[in-house]
C-alpha atoms as a PDB file:
ATOM      1  CA  UNK A   1     -17.529 -90.063-171.797  1.00  0.00           C
ATOM      2  CA  UNK A   2     -19.152 -88.566-168.740  1.00  0.00           C
ATOM      3  CA  UNK A   3     -23.003 -88.440-168.644  1.00  0.00           C
ATOM      4  CA  UNK A   4     -24.251 -84.828-167.956  1.00  0.00           C
ATOM      5  CA  UNK A   5     -26.665 -84.593-165.318  1.00  0.00           C
ATOM      6  CA  UNK A   6     -29.739 -82.348-165.653  1.00  0.00           C
ATOM      7  CA  UNK A   7     -29.902 -79.351-163.160  1.00  0.00           C
ATOM      8  CA  UNK A   8     -33.961 -79.333-164.114  1.00  0.00           C
ATOM      9  CA  UNK A   9     -35.659 -80.389-161.190  1.00  0.00           C
ATOM     10  CA  UNK A  10     -38.574 -81.603-163.209  1.00  0.00           C
ATOM     11  CA  UNK A  11     -36.033 -83.881-165.293  1.00  0.00           C
ATOM     12  CA  UNK A  12     -37.682 -87.459-165.566  1.00  0.00           C
ATOM     13  CA  UNK A  13     -40.783 -86.872-163.135  1.00  0.00           C
ATOM     14  CA  UNK A  14     -44.138 -87.234-164.890  1.00  0.00           C
ATOM     15  CA  UNK A  15     -47.082 -84.775-164.334  1.00  0.00           C
ATOM     16  CA  UNK A  16     -49.034 -87.423-162.754  1.00  0.00           C
ATOM     17  CA  UNK A  17     -46.127 -88.060-160.063  1.00  0.00           C
ATOM     18  CA  UNK A  18     -45.970 -84.206-159.643  1.00  0.00           C
ATOM     19  CA  UNK A  19     -49.837 -84.069-158.865  1.00  0.00           C
ATOM     20  CA  UNK A  20     -49.672 -87.102-156.449  1.00  0.00           C
ATOM     21  CA  UNK A  21     -47.048 -85.513-154.339  1.00  0.00           C
ATOM     22  CA  UNK A  22     -48.733 -82.310-154.398  1.00  0.00           C
ATOM     23  CA  UNK A  23     -51.911 -83.826-153.372  1.00  0.00           C
ATOM     24  CA  UNK A  24     -50.294 -86.016-150.757  1.00  0.00           C
ATOM     25  CA  UNK A  25     -48.582 -83.094-149.207  1.00  0.00           C
ATOM     26  CA  UNK A  26     -51.273 -80.312-149.641  1.00  0.00           C
ATOM     27  CA  UNK A  27     -54.611 -81.942-150.209  1.00  0.00           C
ATOM     28  CA  UNK A  28     -56.915 -80.872-152.885  1.00  0.00           C
ATOM     29  CA  UNK A  29     -58.451 -78.183-150.554  1.00  0.00           C
ATOM     30  CA  UNK A  30     -54.952 -76.286-150.038  1.00  0.00           C
ATOM     31  CA  UNK A  31     -54.026 -76.712-153.613  1.00  0.00           C
ATOM     32  CA  UNK A  32     -57.298 -75.201-154.634  1.00  0.00           C
ATOM     33  CA  UNK A  33     -56.353 -72.383-152.567  1.00  0.00           C
ATOM     34  CA  UNK A  34     -52.660 -71.924-153.538  1.00  0.00           C
ATOM     35  CA  UNK A  35     -53.498 -72.416-157.312  1.00  0.00           C
ATOM     36  CA  UNK A  36     -56.979 -71.102-158.220  1.00  0.00           C
ATOM     37  CA  UNK A  37     -57.884 -73.679-160.994  1.00  0.00           C
ATOM     38  CA  UNK A  38     -61.355 -75.478-160.956  1.00  0.00           C
ATOM     39  CA  UNK A  39     -59.630 -78.924-161.431  1.00  0.00           C
ATOM     40  CA  UNK A  40     -58.355 -78.531-157.770  1.00  0.00           C
ATOM     41  CA  UNK A  41     -61.615 -77.088-156.308  1.00  0.00           C
ATOM     42  CA  UNK A  42     -64.770 -78.480-158.271  1.00  0.00           C
ATOM     43  CA  UNK A  43     -64.854 -82.208-157.715  1.00  0.00           C
ATOM     44  CA  UNK A  44     -61.234 -82.887-157.894  1.00  0.00           C
ATOM     45  CA  UNK A  45     -59.471 -86.026-158.756  1.00  0.00           C
ATOM     46  CA  UNK A  46     -55.861 -87.064-160.056  1.00  0.00           C
ATOM     47  CA  UNK A  47     -57.476 -88.003-163.503  1.00  0.00           C
ATOM     48  CA  UNK A  48     -59.420 -84.820-163.928  1.00  0.00           C
ATOM     49  CA  UNK A  49     -56.712 -82.591-162.898  1.00  0.00           C
ATOM     50  CA  UNK A  50     -54.122 -84.575-165.423  1.00  0.00           C
ATOM     51  CA  UNK A  51     -56.644 -84.173-168.154  1.00  0.00           C
ATOM     52  CA  UNK A  52     -56.886 -80.338-167.737  1.00  0.00           C
ATOM     53  CA  UNK A  53     -53.267 -79.635-166.949  1.00  0.00           C
ATOM     54  CA  UNK A  54     -52.270 -81.733-170.286  1.00  0.00           C
ATOM     55  CA  UNK A  55     -54.214 -78.989-172.252  1.00  0.00           C
ATOM     56  CA  UNK A  56     -53.711 -75.989-170.459  1.00  0.00           C
ATOM     57  CA  UNK A  57     -49.876 -74.863-170.608  1.00  0.00           C
ATOM     58  CA  UNK A  58     -50.468 -71.648-168.146  1.00  0.00           C
ATOM     59  CA  UNK A  59     -51.935 -73.992-165.428  1.00  0.00           C
ATOM     60  CA  UNK A  60     -49.318 -76.611-165.834  1.00  0.00           C
ATOM     61  CA  UNK A  61     -46.611 -74.043-165.306  1.00  0.00           C
ATOM     62  CA  UNK A  62     -48.347 -72.892-162.099  1.00  0.00           C
ATOM     63  CA  UNK A  63     -48.362 -76.582-160.773  1.00  0.00           C
ATOM     64  CA  UNK A  64     -44.785 -77.077-162.076  1.00  0.00           C
ATOM     65  CA  UNK A  65     -43.665 -73.758-160.070  1.00  0.00           C
ATOM     66  CA  UNK A  66     -45.509 -74.866-156.945  1.00  0.00           C
ATOM     67  CA  UNK A  67     -43.830 -78.245-157.296  1.00  0.00           C
ATOM     68  CA  UNK A  68     -40.278 -77.017-157.528  1.00  0.00           C
ATOM     69  CA  UNK A  69     -40.998 -74.499-154.649  1.00  0.00           C
ATOM     70  CA  UNK A  70     -41.960 -77.342-152.323  1.00  0.00           C
ATOM     71  CA  UNK A  71     -39.383 -79.904-153.056  1.00  0.00           C
ATOM     72  CA  UNK A  72     -37.493 -79.163-149.672  1.00  0.00           C
ATOM     73  CA  UNK A  73     -40.907 -79.855-147.857  1.00  0.00           C
ATOM     74  CA  UNK A  74     -41.275 -83.178-149.318  1.00  0.00           C
ATOM     75  CA  UNK A  75     -38.334 -84.737-147.727  1.00  0.00           C
ATOM     76  CA  UNK A  76     -39.171 -83.339-144.115  1.00  0.00           C
END
């Protein structure tokens, strides 16, 4: 039996890993400009961002969308 591979770019990637990659690539300043949420602009940290994004679906969707749109940039 063949294993089916997921076409979802977020499959198997934790929210923490997503935020870490975005922060490493963009930094909190640019993230705060790209996605207007306080966890990226007001005393930002990975931990506070995770706490907020786990509770707030609309913000998490924006972060996941930015991540999927930025995947090609991470490999450069």
